[in-house]
Amino acid sequence: MKTALTIAGSDPSGGAGIQADIKTMTVHGVYAMSAITALTAQNTMGVTGIEEVEPCFLGKQLDCIFSDIYPDAVKIGMLPSSESIKVTAQKLDQYNAKHIVLDPVMVSTSGTPLMKNDAVSVMKDELFPLAELITPNIPEAQLLSGISIKTKHDMEEAAEIIWRNFGCAVLCKGGHSAGGADDVLCTKGKIIWFQGNRIDNPNTHGTGCTLSSAIASNIALGNTLEAAIRKAKDYLSGALASGLDLGKGPGPLNHVYRLGKSL
């Protein structure tokens, strides 16, 4: 059985973070493991508290995973501080981790900062060189590229800038744009567009976590990067189209829609 590891924060409401990642990996037929970087108090209405896991303890979690059940792919989500980033990078390098998909989670959908200010530059220096793919949304891509993104051409330019600067493949996600849900991949200087239909569903809590963990799962299963992204987008569209409606705010996706029934 193929295996995947999520390194991310915990969402007690189950829609994002390690909970979303584990559900996604499991329905893809991949054995899911997790290293928790932070505890959050959140639900569909927002984040009310964050408690960072001690970086040394995060390192111990990663030691236990890599020394026993080696992951075929790694998804990285919320890393709240420069210290947690450094520990994660050191352990991934130490164990020669493969197929790292990094979702540079900086701000929650509700607007709560999820990363300390000094951590962004550390992430660029320490983790981007290890990643096979990073998956910024438009606000994140603007921060990482230094340009304003208003058009598809701008998305291409931002992805190319990030790729040139850091050497990892970049999937710039278009979900924050008014025009649709098309994403653009820049890899080895090549631009590839992935078309997506904007689904009329306000319940989008955890879409970024879900997409990145689905990509990692598909890579673990032996797909090429391009094929993994296409399959992950199809899965995400199905989870949105299923129409799950839970909570008082923007609710979670139906991660298990493919099972045809509630578990």
Protein backbone atom coordinates (compact mmCIF):
# COMPACT_ATOMS: atom_id res chain seq x y z
CA MET A 1 0.00 0.00 0.00
CA LYS A 2 1.28 3.46 -0.88
CA THR A 3 1.77 5.92 1.95
CA ALA A 4 1.59 9.69 2.39
CA LEU A 5 2.40 12.08 5.22
CA THR A 6 0.68 15.35 6.04
CA ILE A 7 2.61 17.93 8.07
CA ALA A 8 -0.02 20.48 9.05
CA GLY A 9 -2.19 22.03 11.73
CA SER A 10 -5.28 20.46 13.27
CA ASP A 11 -8.79 21.73 12.48
CA PRO A 12 -11.27 20.48 15.13
CA SER A 13 -14.20 21.15 12.79
CA GLY A 14 -12.75 18.61 10.35
CA GLY A 15 -12.88 20.68 7.19
CA ALA A 16 -9.26 21.70 6.75
CA GLY A 17 -5.78 20.85 8.04
CA ILE A 18 -4.75 17.32 8.90
CA GLN A 19 -8.37 16.17 9.17
CA ALA A 20 -9.08 17.13 5.54
CA ASP A 21 -5.74 15.70 4.45
CA ILE A 22 -6.28 12.32 6.10
CA LYS A 23 -9.77 11.99 4.63
CA THR A 24 -8.49 12.90 1.19
CA MET A 25 -5.55 10.51 1.30
CA THR A 26 -7.73 7.68 2.61
CA VAL A 27 -10.36 7.92 -0.13
CA HIS A 28 -7.53 7.88 -2.68
CA GLY A 29 -6.46 4.50 -1.32
CA VAL A 30 -3.29 5.82 0.30
CA TYR A 31 -2.24 5.09 3.89
CA ALA A 32 -2.25 8.47 5.67
CA MET A 33 0.11 9.61 8.42
CA SER A 34 0.31 12.99 10.14
CA ALA A 35 2.69 15.24 12.05
CA ILE A 36 0.82 18.03 13.83
CA THR A 37 2.39 21.48 13.72
CA ALA A 38 -0.28 23.42 15.61
CA LEU A 39 -3.60 23.07 17.39
CA THR A 40 -6.24 25.52 16.24
CA ALA A 41 -9.58 26.47 17.72
CA GLN A 42 -11.69 27.05 14.64
CA ASN A 43 -14.91 26.21 12.87
CA THR A 44 -16.69 27.34 9.71
CA MET A 45 -17.03 30.86 11.13
CA GLY A 46 -13.34 31.49 11.75
CA VAL A 47 -10.21 30.86 13.83
CA THR A 48 -10.30 31.85 17.51
CA GLY A 49 -6.98 30.45 18.70
CA ILE A 50 -3.69 28.86 17.65
CA GLU A 51 -1.27 26.90 19.84
CA GLU A 52 1.98 25.96 18.13
CA VAL A 53 3.43 22.52 18.78
CA GLU A 54 6.94 22.82 20.19
CA PRO A 55 9.34 22.52 17.23
CA CYS A 56 11.44 19.88 19.00
CA PHE A 57 8.32 17.76 19.47
CA LEU A 58 7.40 18.24 15.81
CA GLY A 59 10.85 16.90 15.01
CA LYS A 60 10.22 13.85 17.19
CA GLN A 61 6.98 13.16 15.32
CA LEU A 62 8.85 13.25 12.02
CA ASP A 63 11.62 10.99 13.38
CA CYS A 64 9.01 8.40 14.40
CA ILE A 65 7.35 8.47 10.99
CA PHE A 66 10.39 8.36 8.74
CA SER A 67 12.24 5.75 10.82
CA ASP A 68 9.32 3.32 10.63
CA ILE A 69 6.82 3.84 7.79
CA TYR A 70 8.54 5.83 5.05
CA PRO A 71 6.09 8.04 3.11
CA ASP A 72 5.86 7.84 -0.68
CA ALA A 73 4.79 11.51 -0.75
CA VAL A 74 4.63 14.41 1.70
CA LYS A 75 2.09 17.22 1.89
CA ILE A 76 3.01 20.30 3.94
CA GLY A 77 0.39 22.75 5.13
CA MET A 78 0.38 25.13 8.07
CA LEU A 79 3.79 25.82 9.61
CA PRO A 80 3.25 28.67 12.07
CA SER A 81 6.82 29.81 12.80
CA SER A 82 10.34 29.97 11.42
CA GLU A 83 11.41 27.42 14.04
CA SER A 84 8.82 24.85 12.91
CA ILE A 85 9.84 25.44 9.29
CA LYS A 86 13.52 24.90 10.07
CA VAL A 87 12.86 21.68 11.96
CA THR A 88 10.64 20.37 9.17
CA ALA A 89 13.20 21.20 6.49
CA GLN A 90 16.02 19.63 8.50
CA LYS A 91 14.11 16.37 8.99
CA LEU A 92 12.93 16.16 5.38
CA ASP A 93 16.51 16.66 4.21
CA GLN A 94 17.87 14.21 6.79
CA TYR A 95 15.54 11.45 5.63
CA ASN A 96 15.76 12.33 1.93
CA ALA A 97 11.98 12.78 1.70
CA LYS A 98 10.45 12.30 -1.74
CA HIS A 99 7.66 14.06 -3.63
CA ILE A 100 7.03 17.04 -1.35
CA VAL A 101 3.92 19.11 -2.12
CA LEU A 102 3.95 22.39 -0.21
CA ASP A 103 0.82 24.47 0.29
CA PRO A 104 2.20 27.80 1.58
CA VAL A 105 -0.59 28.49 4.05
CA MET A 106 -0.18 32.08 5.24
CA VAL A 107 -3.68 33.37 6.02
CA SER A 108 -6.93 31.53 6.73
CA THR A 109 -9.95 32.00 4.48
CA SER A 110 -11.51 34.11 7.24
CA GLY A 111 -8.44 36.39 7.29
CA THR A 112 -6.60 35.12 10.38
CA PRO A 113 -2.77 35.08 9.98
CA LEU A 114 -1.52 31.50 10.27
CA MET A 115 2.20 32.24 9.93
CA LYS A 116 4.45 34.68 11.75
CA ASN A 117 5.88 37.49 9.62
CA ASP A 118 9.48 36.29 9.68
CA ALA A 119 8.48 32.77 8.67
CA VAL A 120 7.77 33.55 5.02
CA SER A 121 11.40 34.27 4.16
CA VAL A 122 12.54 31.19 6.10
CA MET A 123 10.05 29.05 4.16
CA LYS A 124 11.46 30.36 0.89
CA ASP A 125 15.02 29.58 1.93
CA GLU A 126 14.51 26.28 3.73
CA LEU A 127 11.53 24.48 2.22
CA PHE A 128 11.06 25.70 -1.35
CA PRO A 129 14.34 24.06 -2.49
CA LEU A 130 13.09 20.71 -1.15
CA ALA A 131 9.63 20.89 -2.72
CA GLU A 132 8.59 19.19 -5.93
CA LEU A 133 5.55 21.47 -6.12
CA ILE A 134 4.18 24.50 -4.29
CA THR A 135 0.50 25.46 -4.59
CA PRO A 136 -0.04 29.17 -3.79
CA ASN A 137 -3.41 30.82 -4.26
CA ILE A 138 -3.48 34.26 -5.86
CA PRO A 139 -2.85 36.31 -2.68
CA GLU A 140 0.03 34.00 -1.77
CA ALA A 141 1.44 34.09 -5.31
CA GLN A 142 1.34 37.88 -5.23
CA LEU A 143 3.36 37.89 -2.02
CA LEU A 144 5.87 35.33 -3.29
CA SER A 145 6.33 36.88 -6.75
CA GLY A 146 6.08 40.55 -5.83
CA ILE A 147 3.61 41.36 -8.61
CA SER A 148 -0.12 42.14 -8.68
CA ILE A 149 -2.28 39.43 -10.23
CA LYS A 150 -5.41 40.51 -12.08
CA THR A 151 -5.36 38.44 -15.28
CA LYS A 152 -4.42 34.97 -16.48
CA HIS A 153 -1.27 36.45 -17.97
CA ASP A 154 -0.40 37.80 -14.53
CA MET A 155 -0.88 34.31 -13.06
CA GLU A 156 1.54 32.90 -15.64
CA GLU A 157 4.08 35.62 -14.94
CA ALA A 158 3.86 35.14 -11.17
CA ALA A 159 4.28 31.36 -11.48
CA GLU A 160 7.31 31.83 -13.74
CA ILE A 161 8.91 34.31 -11.35
CA ILE A 162 8.49 31.92 -8.42
CA TRP A 163 9.81 28.99 -10.47
CA ARG A 164 12.86 30.98 -11.61
CA ASN A 165 13.61 32.16 -8.08
CA PHE A 166 13.22 28.85 -6.28
CA GLY A 167 13.46 26.04 -8.84
CA CYS A 168 10.34 24.12 -7.76
CA ALA A 169 7.23 23.60 -9.87
CA VAL A 170 4.48 26.14 -9.10
CA LEU A 171 0.73 25.67 -9.36
CA CYS A 172 -0.90 29.10 -9.12
CA LYS A 173 -4.52 28.50 -8.16
CA GLY A 174 -7.18 30.72 -9.70
CA GLY A 175 -9.98 30.17 -7.20
CA HIS A 176 -9.61 33.72 -5.83
CA SER A 177 -10.10 35.25 -9.28
CA ALA A 178 -13.45 36.48 -10.53
CA GLY A 179 -13.11 34.69 -13.86
CA GLY A 180 -13.20 31.06 -12.84
CA ALA A 181 -11.28 28.22 -11.25
CA ASP A 182 -8.48 27.69 -13.77
CA ASP A 183 -5.02 26.92 -12.36
CA VAL A 184 -1.65 27.35 -14.07
CA LEU A 185 1.42 25.17 -13.61
CA CYS A 186 4.95 26.35 -14.31
CA THR A 187 7.49 23.55 -14.35
CA LYS A 188 10.91 23.57 -16.02
CA GLY A 189 9.91 26.80 -17.73
CA LYS A 190 6.82 25.21 -19.31
CA ILE A 191 3.32 26.61 -18.77
CA ILE A 192 0.33 24.25 -18.49
CA TRP A 193 -3.24 25.37 -17.81
CA PHE A 194 -5.77 23.23 -15.97
CA GLN A 195 -9.34 24.24 -16.72
CA GLY A 196 -11.91 24.19 -13.96
CA ASN A 197 -15.58 25.10 -13.73
CA ARG A 198 -16.53 27.43 -10.90
CA ILE A 199 -19.08 25.49 -8.86
CA ASP A 200 -21.88 27.44 -7.24
CA ASN A 201 -21.23 26.35 -3.68
CA PRO A 202 -20.26 28.73 -0.85
CA ASN A 203 -18.96 25.83 1.24
CA THR A 204 -15.27 25.95 0.38
CA HIS A 205 -13.60 25.49 3.79
CA GLY A 206 -10.43 23.49 3.27
CA THR A 207 -10.24 23.53 -0.54
CA GLY A 208 -6.52 24.35 -0.57
CA CYS A 209 -5.66 21.63 1.93
CA THR A 210 -7.76 19.13 0.02
CA LEU A 211 -6.25 19.92 -3.38
CA SER A 212 -2.64 19.70 -2.20
CA SER A 213 -3.21 16.44 -0.31
CA ALA A 214 -5.01 14.98 -3.34
CA ILE A 215 -2.04 15.91 -5.54
CA ALA A 216 0.37 14.29 -3.07
CA SER A 217 -1.82 11.17 -2.95
CA ASN A 218 -1.88 10.84 -6.71
CA ILE A 219 1.89 11.30 -6.92
CA ALA A 220 2.31 8.60 -4.26
CA LEU A 221 0.20 6.32 -6.45
CA GLY A 222 2.70 6.74 -9.31
CA ASN A 223 1.11 9.48 -11.42
CA THR A 224 3.14 12.14 -13.16
CA LEU A 225 2.87 15.64 -11.71
CA GLU A 226 0.58 16.80 -14.50
CA ALA A 227 -1.69 13.75 -14.20
CA ALA A 228 -1.74 14.07 -10.40
CA ILE A 229 -2.93 17.68 -10.65
CA ARG A 230 -5.67 16.84 -13.17
CA LYS A 231 -6.98 13.99 -11.03
CA ALA A 232 -6.81 16.13 -7.89
CA LYS A 233 -8.81 18.92 -9.54
CA ASP A 234 -11.44 16.41 -10.67
CA TYR A 235 -11.69 15.08 -7.11
CA LEU A 236 -11.99 18.58 -5.64
CA SER A 237 -14.71 19.50 -8.13
CA GLY A 238 -16.68 16.41 -7.17
CA ALA A 239 -16.32 17.15 -3.46
CA LEU A 240 -17.65 20.67 -4.05
CA ALA A 241 -20.44 19.59 -6.41
CA SER A 242 -21.67 17.05 -3.85
CA GLY A 243 -23.26 19.97 -2.03
CA LEU A 244 -22.51 19.16 1.59
CA ASP A 245 -23.94 21.93 3.79
CA LEU A 246 -22.71 21.93 7.39
CA GLY A 247 -22.04 24.74 9.82
CA LYS A 248 -23.07 28.37 10.16
CA GLY A 249 -20.29 29.74 7.93
CA PRO A 250 -18.58 28.53 4.73
CA GLY A 251 -18.77 24.82 5.36
CA PRO A 252 -16.50 21.86 4.59
CA LEU A 253 -16.36 19.74 1.46
CA ASN A 254 -17.74 16.23 1.16
CA HIS A 255 -14.40 14.45 1.12
CA VAL A 256 -16.03 11.01 0.95
CA TYR A 257 -18.50 11.72 -1.87
CA ARG A 258 -17.00 8.91 -3.94
CA LEU A 259 -18.14 6.37 -1.37
CA GLY A 260 -21.75 7.17 -2.20
CA LYS A 261 -22.87 7.18 1.40
CA SER A 262 -21.96 8.64 4.77
CA LEU A 263 -19.53 6.65 6.87
